[in-house]
């Protein structure tokens, strides 16, 4: 995860302009937007800056339920099922090999939901589905304006500190981390 957290890539002038426009919009409305507002007016436009799409290689899937059967160290099988807002994977009509998950936005209300747990279940299901692949799985979830990046490889599960998307430097780091994931996907498809 360390490499991911410290990845830096200059943003183009257009990316800088778009991200600053979105950051200022979020700064004005973060405390007022509902779940759909923040998805439509902030999260998806940020994702579009990175553009997780390569024809005939991988694409973004929305509203995905991911399911797989996993076996623990005592040979007990469990069905893992998780629903995520967005997934980047190979496949045209259905996701095949998943690389990156984004869990749906959750309002910043304590005790209302468990976005990290929901994301982890989906990532574990993807790991089970990718049995034999040694590739890490990346994810992120939002709580209000705060973005948390998640890394899963084998038994290692790590969550970053929060990145505040209303902070100019943090937003650049968020975009850089998404660009890192895109580069990882492109190297492995």
N, C-alpha and C. Protein backbone atom coordinates (compact mmCIF):
# COMPACT_ATOMS: atom_id res chain seq x y z
N UNK A 1 0.83 -1.19 0.00
CA UNK A 1 0.00 0.00 0.00
C UNK A 1 0.87 1.25 0.00
N UNK A 2 2.06 1.15 0.56
CA UNK A 2 2.95 2.30 0.64
C UNK A 2 3.23 2.90 -0.74
N UNK A 3 3.50 2.04 -1.70
CA UNK A 3 3.78 2.51 -3.07
C UNK A 3 2.56 3.25 -3.63
N UNK A 4 1.40 2.72 -3.36
CA UNK A 4 0.15 3.32 -3.84
C UNK A 4 -0.07 4.70 -3.21
N UNK A 5 0.15 4.79 -1.91
CA UNK A 5 -0.07 6.05 -1.21
C UNK A 5 0.88 7.16 -1.65
N UNK A 6 2.06 6.77 -2.12
CA UNK A 6 3.08 7.77 -2.46
C UNK A 6 3.23 8.00 -3.96
N UNK A 7 2.37 7.41 -4.76
CA UNK A 7 2.42 7.59 -6.20
C UNK A 7 2.06 9.04 -6.54
N UNK A 8 2.86 9.67 -7.38
CA UNK A 8 2.61 11.04 -7.82
C UNK A 8 2.73 11.11 -9.33
N UNK A 9 1.78 11.79 -9.93
CA UNK A 9 1.80 12.03 -11.37
C UNK A 9 1.21 13.41 -11.58
N UNK A 10 1.84 14.21 -12.39
CA UNK A 10 1.31 15.55 -12.65
C UNK A 10 -0.03 15.44 -13.36
N UNK A 11 -0.94 16.31 -12.97
CA UNK A 11 -2.23 16.38 -13.64
C UNK A 11 -2.11 17.32 -14.82
N UNK A 12 -2.83 17.00 -15.88
CA UNK A 12 -2.86 17.90 -17.03
C UNK A 12 -3.58 19.19 -16.62
N UNK A 13 -3.44 20.22 -17.44
CA UNK A 13 -4.12 21.49 -17.15
C UNK A 13 -5.63 21.27 -17.08
N UNK A 14 -6.16 20.45 -17.96
CA UNK A 14 -7.60 20.18 -17.96
C UNK A 14 -8.01 19.41 -16.70
N UNK A 15 -7.22 18.42 -16.30
CA UNK A 15 -7.52 17.67 -15.07
C UNK A 15 -7.48 18.59 -13.85
N UNK A 16 -6.49 19.48 -13.82
CA UNK A 16 -6.39 20.46 -12.72
C UNK A 16 -7.63 21.34 -12.67
N UNK A 17 -8.02 21.85 -13.82
CA UNK A 17 -9.17 22.75 -13.89
C UNK A 17 -10.45 22.02 -13.47
N UNK A 18 -10.67 20.82 -14.00
CA UNK A 18 -11.87 20.05 -13.66
C UNK A 18 -11.90 19.67 -12.19
N UNK A 19 -10.77 19.23 -11.66
CA UNK A 19 -10.75 18.80 -10.26
C UNK A 19 -10.95 19.99 -9.32
N UNK A 20 -10.41 21.15 -9.68
CA UNK A 20 -10.61 22.34 -8.84
C UNK A 20 -12.07 22.77 -8.85
N UNK A 21 -12.70 22.74 -10.01
CA UNK A 21 -14.13 23.05 -10.10
C UNK A 21 -14.94 22.10 -9.21
N UNK A 22 -14.64 20.81 -9.28
CA UNK A 22 -15.36 19.81 -8.48
C UNK A 22 -15.08 19.97 -7.00
N UNK A 23 -13.85 20.28 -6.64
CA UNK A 23 -13.48 20.47 -5.24
C UNK A 23 -14.25 21.63 -4.63
N UNK A 24 -14.31 22.73 -5.36
CA UNK A 24 -15.04 23.91 -4.85
C UNK A 24 -16.54 23.62 -4.73
N UNK A 25 -17.07 22.86 -5.67
CA UNK A 25 -18.48 22.47 -5.59
C UNK A 25 -18.72 21.61 -4.35
N UNK A 26 -17.84 20.64 -4.12
CA UNK A 26 -17.98 19.79 -2.94
C UNK A 26 -17.86 20.61 -1.66
N UNK A 27 -16.92 21.53 -1.65
CA UNK A 27 -16.72 22.38 -0.47
C UNK A 27 -18.01 23.14 -0.13
N UNK A 28 -18.71 23.59 -1.15
CA UNK A 28 -19.96 24.33 -0.93
C UNK A 28 -21.12 23.44 -0.50
N UNK A 29 -21.15 22.19 -0.98
CA UNK A 29 -22.35 21.38 -0.80
C UNK A 29 -22.16 20.10 0.00
N UNK A 30 -20.97 19.79 0.46
CA UNK A 30 -20.71 18.51 1.13
C UNK A 30 -21.66 18.24 2.29
N UNK A 31 -22.02 19.25 3.03
CA UNK A 31 -22.90 19.06 4.19
C UNK A 31 -24.38 19.02 3.83
N UNK A 32 -24.71 19.25 2.56
CA UNK A 32 -26.11 19.33 2.16
C UNK A 32 -26.51 18.23 1.18
N UNK A 33 -25.54 17.71 0.43
CA UNK A 33 -25.85 16.72 -0.58
C UNK A 33 -26.30 15.40 0.04
N UNK A 34 -27.24 14.75 -0.62
CA UNK A 34 -27.60 13.39 -0.24
C UNK A 34 -26.73 12.42 -1.04
N UNK A 35 -26.98 11.14 -0.88
CA UNK A 35 -26.15 10.11 -1.51
C UNK A 35 -26.10 10.25 -3.03
N UNK A 36 -27.24 10.44 -3.66
CA UNK A 36 -27.27 10.56 -5.12
C UNK A 36 -26.56 11.83 -5.59
N UNK A 37 -26.75 12.92 -4.87
CA UNK A 37 -26.10 14.18 -5.25
C UNK A 37 -24.59 14.02 -5.29
N UNK A 38 -24.01 13.47 -4.23
CA UNK A 38 -22.55 13.39 -4.19
C UNK A 38 -22.02 12.41 -5.23
N UNK A 39 -22.77 11.34 -5.51
CA UNK A 39 -22.34 10.41 -6.56
C UNK A 39 -22.34 11.10 -7.92
N UNK A 40 -23.44 11.78 -8.24
CA UNK A 40 -23.59 12.38 -9.57
C UNK A 40 -22.73 13.62 -9.75
N UNK A 41 -22.68 14.48 -8.74
CA UNK A 41 -22.01 15.77 -8.89
C UNK A 41 -20.55 15.79 -8.47
N UNK A 42 -20.08 14.72 -7.79
CA UNK A 42 -18.67 14.74 -7.39
C UNK A 42 -17.93 13.43 -7.66
N UNK A 43 -18.40 12.33 -7.10
CA UNK A 43 -17.63 11.09 -7.20
C UNK A 43 -17.45 10.63 -8.65
N UNK A 44 -18.52 10.52 -9.40
CA UNK A 44 -18.40 10.04 -10.77
C UNK A 44 -17.62 11.01 -11.67
N UNK A 45 -17.77 12.32 -11.53
CA UNK A 45 -16.91 13.20 -12.33
C UNK A 45 -15.41 13.02 -12.00
N UNK A 46 -15.09 12.76 -10.74
CA UNK A 46 -13.68 12.48 -10.39
C UNK A 46 -13.22 11.18 -11.05
N UNK A 47 -14.07 10.16 -10.98
CA UNK A 47 -13.74 8.88 -11.62
C UNK A 47 -13.57 9.08 -13.13
N UNK A 48 -14.38 9.92 -13.73
CA UNK A 48 -14.28 10.17 -15.18
C UNK A 48 -12.99 10.88 -15.56
N UNK A 49 -12.43 11.66 -14.65
CA UNK A 49 -11.13 12.30 -14.93
C UNK A 49 -10.09 11.22 -15.21
N UNK A 50 -10.14 10.14 -14.45
CA UNK A 50 -9.18 9.05 -14.61
C UNK A 50 -9.56 8.15 -15.79
N UNK A 51 -10.84 7.98 -16.07
CA UNK A 51 -11.34 7.22 -17.22
C UNK A 51 -10.92 5.75 -17.18
N UNK A 52 -11.62 4.99 -16.37
CA UNK A 52 -11.37 3.55 -16.27
C UNK A 52 -12.07 2.81 -17.41
N UNK A 53 -11.51 2.94 -18.61
CA UNK A 53 -12.10 2.27 -19.76
C UNK A 53 -11.04 2.07 -20.83
N UNK A 54 -10.92 0.83 -21.29
CA UNK A 54 -10.08 0.50 -22.43
C UNK A 54 -10.85 -0.52 -23.26
N UNK A 55 -11.25 -0.16 -24.48
CA UNK A 55 -12.08 -1.05 -25.29
C UNK A 55 -11.49 -2.46 -25.38
N UNK A 56 -12.34 -3.44 -25.18
CA UNK A 56 -11.99 -4.86 -25.25
C UNK A 56 -10.98 -5.31 -24.21
N UNK A 57 -10.71 -4.47 -23.19
CA UNK A 57 -9.78 -4.86 -22.12
C UNK A 57 -10.47 -4.80 -20.76
N UNK A 58 -10.90 -3.63 -20.35
CA UNK A 58 -11.57 -3.47 -19.06
C UNK A 58 -12.51 -2.27 -19.14
N UNK A 59 -13.42 -2.23 -18.16
CA UNK A 59 -14.35 -1.10 -18.10
C UNK A 59 -14.91 -0.98 -16.70
N UNK A 60 -15.67 0.08 -16.50
CA UNK A 60 -16.35 0.33 -15.24
C UNK A 60 -17.74 -0.30 -15.30
N UNK A 61 -18.10 -0.99 -14.24
CA UNK A 61 -19.44 -1.56 -14.07
C UNK A 61 -20.08 -0.86 -12.87
N UNK A 62 -21.36 -0.60 -12.94
CA UNK A 62 -22.07 0.09 -11.86
C UNK A 62 -23.04 -0.86 -11.17
N UNK A 63 -23.27 -0.61 -9.86
CA UNK A 63 -24.25 -1.37 -9.08
C UNK A 63 -24.05 -2.88 -9.24
N UNK A 64 -22.92 -3.37 -8.78
CA UNK A 64 -22.54 -4.78 -8.97
C UNK A 64 -22.65 -5.55 -7.66
N UNK A 65 -23.29 -6.71 -7.74
CA UNK A 65 -23.25 -7.64 -6.62
C UNK A 65 -22.23 -8.71 -6.99
N UNK A 66 -21.28 -8.91 -6.11
CA UNK A 66 -20.20 -9.84 -6.37
C UNK A 66 -20.32 -11.00 -5.41
N UNK A 67 -20.24 -12.23 -5.95
CA UNK A 67 -20.40 -13.41 -5.11
C UNK A 67 -19.38 -14.46 -5.50
N UNK A 68 -18.86 -15.15 -4.50
CA UNK A 68 -17.93 -16.26 -4.72
C UNK A 68 -17.94 -17.15 -3.50
N UNK A 69 -17.46 -18.36 -3.68
CA UNK A 69 -17.33 -19.30 -2.57
C UNK A 69 -15.87 -19.34 -2.17
N UNK A 70 -15.63 -19.20 -0.87
CA UNK A 70 -14.26 -19.21 -0.35
C UNK A 70 -14.11 -20.36 0.63
N UNK A 71 -12.90 -20.88 0.71
CA UNK A 71 -12.58 -21.95 1.65
C UNK A 71 -11.58 -21.42 2.65
N UNK A 72 -11.85 -21.60 3.94
CA UNK A 72 -10.93 -21.13 4.97
C UNK A 72 -9.85 -22.18 5.22
N UNK A 73 -8.96 -21.91 6.15
CA UNK A 73 -7.82 -22.81 6.40
C UNK A 73 -8.24 -24.15 6.99
N UNK A 74 -9.48 -24.24 7.46
CA UNK A 74 -9.99 -25.51 7.99
C UNK A 74 -10.89 -26.21 6.98
N UNK A 75 -10.81 -25.79 5.72
CA UNK A 75 -11.59 -26.33 4.60
C UNK A 75 -13.09 -26.16 4.74
N UNK A 76 -13.54 -25.17 5.48
CA UNK A 76 -14.95 -24.81 5.54
C UNK A 76 -15.23 -23.84 4.40
N UNK A 77 -16.34 -24.05 3.71
CA UNK A 77 -16.67 -23.14 2.62
C UNK A 77 -17.72 -22.14 3.07
N UNK A 78 -17.58 -20.94 2.55
CA UNK A 78 -18.49 -19.85 2.86
C UNK A 78 -18.79 -19.11 1.57
N UNK A 79 -20.04 -18.72 1.41
CA UNK A 79 -20.39 -17.89 0.27
C UNK A 79 -20.25 -16.44 0.69
N UNK A 80 -19.44 -15.71 -0.06
CA UNK A 80 -19.23 -14.29 0.19
C UNK A 80 -20.01 -13.51 -0.85
N UNK A 81 -20.73 -12.51 -0.39
CA UNK A 81 -21.54 -11.72 -1.31
C UNK A 81 -21.48 -10.26 -0.86
N UNK A 82 -21.11 -9.40 -1.79
CA UNK A 82 -21.05 -7.99 -1.48
C UNK A 82 -21.52 -7.16 -2.65
N UNK A 83 -22.15 -6.05 -2.34
CA UNK A 83 -22.66 -5.15 -3.38
C UNK A 83 -21.86 -3.84 -3.31
N UNK A 84 -21.39 -3.43 -4.46
CA UNK A 84 -20.62 -2.18 -4.53
C UNK A 84 -21.23 -1.27 -5.58
N UNK A 85 -20.98 0.00 -5.40
CA UNK A 85 -21.49 1.01 -6.33
C UNK A 85 -20.79 0.91 -7.68
N UNK A 86 -19.48 0.69 -7.66
CA UNK A 86 -18.71 0.68 -8.89
C UNK A 86 -17.62 -0.36 -8.81
N UNK A 87 -17.32 -0.94 -9.95
CA UNK A 87 -16.27 -1.96 -10.06
C UNK A 87 -15.56 -1.76 -11.38
N UNK A 88 -14.23 -1.88 -11.39
CA UNK A 88 -13.47 -1.88 -12.63
C UNK A 88 -12.95 -3.30 -12.81
N UNK A 89 -13.29 -3.88 -13.97
CA UNK A 89 -12.94 -5.28 -14.22
C UNK A 89 -12.84 -5.53 -15.72
N UNK A 90 -12.25 -6.67 -16.06
CA UNK A 90 -12.31 -7.11 -17.44
C UNK A 90 -13.74 -7.58 -17.71
N UNK A 91 -14.07 -7.73 -18.98
CA UNK A 91 -15.39 -8.21 -19.35
C UNK A 91 -16.17 -7.13 -20.08
N UNK A 92 -17.05 -7.58 -20.97
CA UNK A 92 -17.87 -6.63 -21.73
C UNK A 92 -19.24 -6.44 -21.10
N UNK A 93 -19.96 -7.56 -20.91
CA UNK A 93 -21.31 -7.46 -20.36
C UNK A 93 -21.33 -7.71 -18.86
N UNK A 94 -20.50 -8.64 -18.39
CA UNK A 94 -20.42 -8.97 -16.97
C UNK A 94 -18.97 -8.87 -16.52
N UNK A 95 -18.76 -8.46 -15.28
CA UNK A 95 -17.38 -8.39 -14.78
C UNK A 95 -16.75 -9.77 -14.73
N UNK A 96 -15.51 -9.85 -15.16
CA UNK A 96 -14.78 -11.12 -15.15
C UNK A 96 -13.69 -11.09 -14.08
N UNK A 97 -12.62 -10.38 -14.36
CA UNK A 97 -11.51 -10.27 -13.40
C UNK A 97 -11.56 -8.88 -12.78
N UNK A 98 -11.93 -8.79 -11.49
CA UNK A 98 -12.05 -7.48 -10.84
C UNK A 98 -10.70 -6.96 -10.35
N UNK A 99 -10.53 -5.65 -10.46
CA UNK A 99 -9.31 -5.00 -10.01
C UNK A 99 -9.56 -3.94 -8.94
N UNK A 100 -10.67 -3.22 -9.06
CA UNK A 100 -10.89 -2.05 -8.22
C UNK A 100 -12.37 -1.91 -7.89
N UNK A 101 -12.64 -1.60 -6.61
CA UNK A 101 -14.00 -1.42 -6.12
C UNK A 101 -14.16 -0.04 -5.51
N UNK A 102 -15.33 0.55 -5.71
CA UNK A 102 -15.69 1.76 -5.01
C UNK A 102 -17.04 1.50 -4.36
N UNK A 103 -17.08 1.63 -3.05
CA UNK A 103 -18.34 1.41 -2.36
C UNK A 103 -19.15 2.68 -2.39
N UNK A 104 -20.45 2.51 -2.38
CA UNK A 104 -21.32 3.66 -2.49
C UNK A 104 -21.08 4.65 -1.37
N UNK A 105 -21.34 5.87 -1.70
CA UNK A 105 -21.22 6.97 -0.75
C UNK A 105 -22.12 6.71 0.45
N UNK A 106 -21.61 7.01 1.60
CA UNK A 106 -22.41 6.91 2.82
C UNK A 106 -22.44 8.28 3.48
N UNK A 107 -23.61 8.72 3.91
CA UNK A 107 -23.67 9.99 4.63
C UNK A 107 -22.84 9.91 5.90
N UNK A 108 -22.40 11.04 6.36
CA UNK A 108 -21.53 11.07 7.54
C UNK A 108 -22.37 11.05 8.82
N UNK A 109 -23.04 9.92 9.05
CA UNK A 109 -23.87 9.75 10.24
C UNK A 109 -23.40 8.50 10.96
N UNK A 110 -22.95 8.64 12.19
CA UNK A 110 -22.42 7.50 12.94
C UNK A 110 -23.47 6.42 13.12
N UNK A 111 -23.00 5.17 12.96
CA UNK A 111 -23.84 4.03 13.25
C UNK A 111 -24.87 3.70 12.17
N UNK A 112 -24.88 4.46 11.08
CA UNK A 112 -25.91 4.24 10.07
C UNK A 112 -25.56 3.09 9.13
N UNK A 113 -24.28 2.87 8.84
CA UNK A 113 -23.90 1.83 7.89
C UNK A 113 -22.44 1.44 8.13
N UNK A 114 -22.01 0.44 7.40
CA UNK A 114 -20.64 -0.05 7.51
C UNK A 114 -20.02 -0.13 6.12
N UNK A 115 -19.66 1.01 5.52
CA UNK A 115 -19.13 0.97 4.16
C UNK A 115 -17.83 0.17 4.05
N UNK A 116 -16.99 0.21 5.06
CA UNK A 116 -15.74 -0.54 5.02
C UNK A 116 -16.03 -2.05 5.02
N UNK A 117 -16.94 -2.48 5.85
CA UNK A 117 -17.29 -3.90 5.90
C UNK A 117 -17.91 -4.38 4.61
N UNK A 118 -18.80 -3.56 4.04
CA UNK A 118 -19.43 -3.91 2.76
C UNK A 118 -18.38 -4.04 1.66
N UNK A 119 -17.43 -3.11 1.65
CA UNK A 119 -16.37 -3.14 0.65
C UNK A 119 -15.48 -4.36 0.84
N UNK A 120 -15.11 -4.66 2.07
CA UNK A 120 -14.24 -5.81 2.34
C UNK A 120 -14.88 -7.11 1.86
N UNK A 121 -16.15 -7.31 2.12
CA UNK A 121 -16.83 -8.53 1.68
C UNK A 121 -16.75 -8.66 0.16
N UNK A 122 -17.02 -7.58 -0.56
CA UNK A 122 -16.94 -7.62 -2.02
C UNK A 122 -15.52 -7.91 -2.48
N UNK A 123 -14.52 -7.32 -1.82
CA UNK A 123 -13.13 -7.56 -2.19
C UNK A 123 -12.72 -9.00 -1.90
N UNK A 124 -13.17 -9.56 -0.78
CA UNK A 124 -12.88 -10.95 -0.46
C UNK A 124 -13.54 -11.89 -1.47
N UNK A 125 -14.76 -11.57 -1.89
CA UNK A 125 -15.44 -12.37 -2.91
C UNK A 125 -14.65 -12.32 -4.22
N UNK A 126 -14.15 -11.14 -4.57
CA UNK A 126 -13.34 -11.00 -5.79
C UNK A 126 -12.05 -11.80 -5.67
N UNK A 127 -11.44 -11.76 -4.51
CA UNK A 127 -10.21 -12.52 -4.29
C UNK A 127 -10.48 -14.02 -4.46
N UNK A 128 -11.58 -14.50 -3.92
CA UNK A 128 -11.94 -15.91 -4.07
C UNK A 128 -12.22 -16.23 -5.53
N UNK A 129 -12.90 -15.34 -6.23
CA UNK A 129 -13.20 -15.55 -7.65
C UNK A 129 -11.91 -15.59 -8.47
N UNK A 130 -10.94 -14.79 -8.09
CA UNK A 130 -9.66 -14.72 -8.80
C UNK A 130 -8.68 -15.78 -8.29
N UNK A 131 -9.18 -16.83 -7.67
CA UNK A 131 -8.33 -17.86 -7.08
C UNK A 131 -7.17 -18.20 -8.00
N UNK A 132 -5.98 -18.18 -7.46
CA UNK A 132 -4.79 -18.47 -8.24
C UNK A 132 -4.08 -17.21 -8.71
N UNK A 133 -4.78 -16.11 -8.76
CA UNK A 133 -4.15 -14.85 -9.15
C UNK A 133 -3.46 -14.25 -7.93
N UNK A 134 -2.29 -13.77 -8.13
CA UNK A 134 -1.54 -13.17 -7.04
C UNK A 134 -1.66 -11.64 -7.05
N UNK A 135 -2.60 -11.14 -7.84
CA UNK A 135 -2.75 -9.70 -7.96
C UNK A 135 -3.49 -9.12 -6.77
N UNK A 136 -3.07 -7.94 -6.32
CA UNK A 136 -3.81 -7.28 -5.24
C UNK A 136 -5.14 -6.74 -5.77
N UNK A 137 -6.05 -6.48 -4.85
CA UNK A 137 -7.32 -5.86 -5.19
C UNK A 137 -7.36 -4.53 -4.46
N UNK A 138 -7.75 -3.51 -5.19
CA UNK A 138 -7.80 -2.16 -4.65
C UNK A 138 -9.25 -1.74 -4.47
N UNK A 139 -9.47 -0.85 -3.51
CA UNK A 139 -10.81 -0.36 -3.29
C UNK A 139 -10.80 0.98 -2.59
N UNK A 140 -11.97 1.57 -2.51
CA UNK A 140 -12.12 2.80 -1.75
C UNK A 140 -13.56 2.93 -1.31
N UNK A 141 -13.73 3.62 -0.20
CA UNK A 141 -15.08 3.96 0.24
C UNK A 141 -15.06 5.40 0.74
N UNK A 142 -16.24 6.00 0.72
CA UNK A 142 -16.38 7.40 1.12
C UNK A 142 -17.28 7.50 2.34
N UNK A 143 -16.93 8.41 3.21
CA UNK A 143 -17.82 8.83 4.28
C UNK A 143 -17.83 10.35 4.21
N UNK A 144 -18.93 10.86 3.72
CA UNK A 144 -18.99 12.30 3.50
C UNK A 144 -17.93 12.71 2.49
N UNK A 145 -17.14 13.71 2.83
CA UNK A 145 -16.09 14.20 1.93
C UNK A 145 -14.79 13.41 2.07
N UNK A 146 -14.77 12.44 2.97
CA UNK A 146 -13.54 11.71 3.26
C UNK A 146 -13.46 10.41 2.46
N UNK A 147 -12.31 10.18 1.85
CA UNK A 147 -12.06 9.01 1.02
C UNK A 147 -11.03 8.13 1.73
N UNK A 148 -11.32 6.85 1.80
CA UNK A 148 -10.44 5.86 2.41
C UNK A 148 -10.08 4.82 1.35
N UNK A 149 -8.79 4.61 1.15
CA UNK A 149 -8.33 3.64 0.16
C UNK A 149 -7.99 2.33 0.86
N UNK A 150 -8.34 1.22 0.19
CA UNK A 150 -8.23 -0.11 0.78
C UNK A 150 -7.42 -1.01 -0.14
N UNK A 151 -6.53 -1.78 0.45
CA UNK A 151 -5.65 -2.68 -0.29
C UNK A 151 -5.82 -4.09 0.28
N UNK A 152 -6.01 -5.07 -0.60
CA UNK A 152 -6.13 -6.48 -0.19
C UNK A 152 -5.24 -7.33 -1.07
N UNK A 153 -4.31 -8.01 -0.44
CA UNK A 153 -3.46 -8.97 -1.15
C UNK A 153 -3.20 -10.12 -0.20
N UNK A 154 -3.57 -11.33 -0.65
CA UNK A 154 -3.46 -12.52 0.19
C UNK A 154 -4.18 -12.25 1.51
N UNK A 155 -3.46 -12.32 2.62
CA UNK A 155 -4.05 -12.07 3.94
C UNK A 155 -3.85 -10.64 4.42
N UNK A 156 -3.19 -9.81 3.62
CA UNK A 156 -2.91 -8.43 4.02
C UNK A 156 -4.05 -7.51 3.60
N UNK A 157 -4.65 -6.86 4.58
CA UNK A 157 -5.75 -5.92 4.36
C UNK A 157 -5.37 -4.62 5.05
N UNK A 158 -5.31 -3.53 4.29
CA UNK A 158 -4.88 -2.25 4.84
C UNK A 158 -5.84 -1.15 4.40
N UNK A 159 -6.11 -0.23 5.32
CA UNK A 159 -6.96 0.92 5.03
C UNK A 159 -6.14 2.19 5.26
N UNK A 160 -6.18 3.11 4.32
CA UNK A 160 -5.45 4.37 4.46
C UNK A 160 -6.11 5.27 5.48
N UNK A 161 -5.39 6.30 5.87
CA UNK A 161 -6.01 7.39 6.62
C UNK A 161 -6.96 8.11 5.67
N UNK A 162 -7.80 8.94 6.20
CA UNK A 162 -8.78 9.67 5.38
C UNK A 162 -8.11 10.73 4.53
N UNK A 163 -8.59 10.88 3.31
CA UNK A 163 -8.23 11.98 2.43
C UNK A 163 -9.46 12.86 2.31
N UNK A 164 -9.29 14.15 2.58
CA UNK A 164 -10.40 15.11 2.54
C UNK A 164 -10.49 15.69 1.12
N UNK A 165 -11.52 15.33 0.40
CA UNK A 165 -11.66 15.75 -1.00
C UNK A 165 -11.92 17.25 -1.15
N UNK A 166 -12.18 17.97 -0.05
CA UNK A 166 -12.33 19.43 -0.15
C UNK A 166 -10.97 20.13 -0.02
N UNK A 167 -9.93 19.37 0.30
CA UNK A 167 -8.58 19.91 0.41
C UNK A 167 -7.88 19.73 -0.95
N UNK A 168 -7.32 20.79 -1.48
CA UNK A 168 -6.73 20.77 -2.83
C UNK A 168 -5.63 19.70 -2.96
N UNK A 169 -4.73 19.64 -1.99
CA UNK A 169 -3.64 18.65 -2.06
C UNK A 169 -4.17 17.23 -1.90
N UNK A 170 -5.11 17.03 -1.00
CA UNK A 170 -5.69 15.69 -0.83
C UNK A 170 -6.43 15.25 -2.09
N UNK A 171 -7.14 16.16 -2.74
CA UNK A 171 -7.85 15.78 -3.95
C UNK A 171 -6.87 15.36 -5.04
N UNK A 172 -5.75 16.05 -5.16
CA UNK A 172 -4.72 15.64 -6.13
C UNK A 172 -4.20 14.24 -5.80
N UNK A 173 -4.00 13.98 -4.52
CA UNK A 173 -3.55 12.64 -4.11
C UNK A 173 -4.60 11.58 -4.41
N UNK A 174 -5.88 11.91 -4.22
CA UNK A 174 -6.96 10.98 -4.55
C UNK A 174 -6.90 10.63 -6.04
N UNK A 175 -6.78 11.65 -6.87
CA UNK A 175 -6.72 11.41 -8.32
C UNK A 175 -5.47 10.62 -8.66
N UNK A 176 -4.34 10.94 -8.04
CA UNK A 176 -3.11 10.17 -8.28
C UNK A 176 -3.28 8.70 -7.89
N UNK A 177 -3.95 8.45 -6.79
CA UNK A 177 -4.15 7.07 -6.37
C UNK A 177 -5.06 6.33 -7.35
N UNK A 178 -6.04 7.01 -7.89
CA UNK A 178 -6.89 6.40 -8.91
C UNK A 178 -6.09 6.15 -10.19
N UNK A 179 -5.19 7.08 -10.54
CA UNK A 179 -4.33 6.89 -11.71
C UNK A 179 -3.39 5.70 -11.52
N UNK A 180 -2.92 5.51 -10.30
CA UNK A 180 -2.07 4.36 -9.99
C UNK A 180 -2.83 3.06 -10.25
N UNK A 181 -4.07 3.00 -9.80
CA UNK A 181 -4.88 1.80 -10.01
C UNK A 181 -5.08 1.56 -11.51
N UNK A 182 -5.37 2.61 -12.25
CA UNK A 182 -5.54 2.47 -13.70
C UNK A 182 -4.27 1.92 -14.34
N UNK A 183 -3.12 2.42 -13.96
CA UNK A 183 -1.85 1.92 -14.51
C UNK A 183 -1.64 0.45 -14.14
N UNK A 184 -2.00 0.08 -12.91
CA UNK A 184 -1.90 -1.32 -12.47
C UNK A 184 -2.79 -2.22 -13.33
N UNK A 185 -4.00 -1.77 -13.58
CA UNK A 185 -4.93 -2.56 -14.41
C UNK A 185 -4.37 -2.72 -15.81
N UNK A 186 -3.86 -1.64 -16.39
CA UNK A 186 -3.34 -1.70 -17.75
C UNK A 186 -2.13 -2.60 -17.88
N UNK A 187 -1.34 -2.71 -16.81
CA UNK A 187 -0.19 -3.63 -16.83
C UNK A 187 -0.62 -5.09 -16.73
N UNK A 188 -1.81 -5.34 -16.21
CA UNK A 188 -2.21 -6.71 -15.89
C UNK A 188 -3.38 -7.26 -16.70
N UNK A 189 -3.83 -6.55 -17.73
CA UNK A 189 -4.89 -7.10 -18.58
C UNK A 189 -4.31 -7.61 -19.88
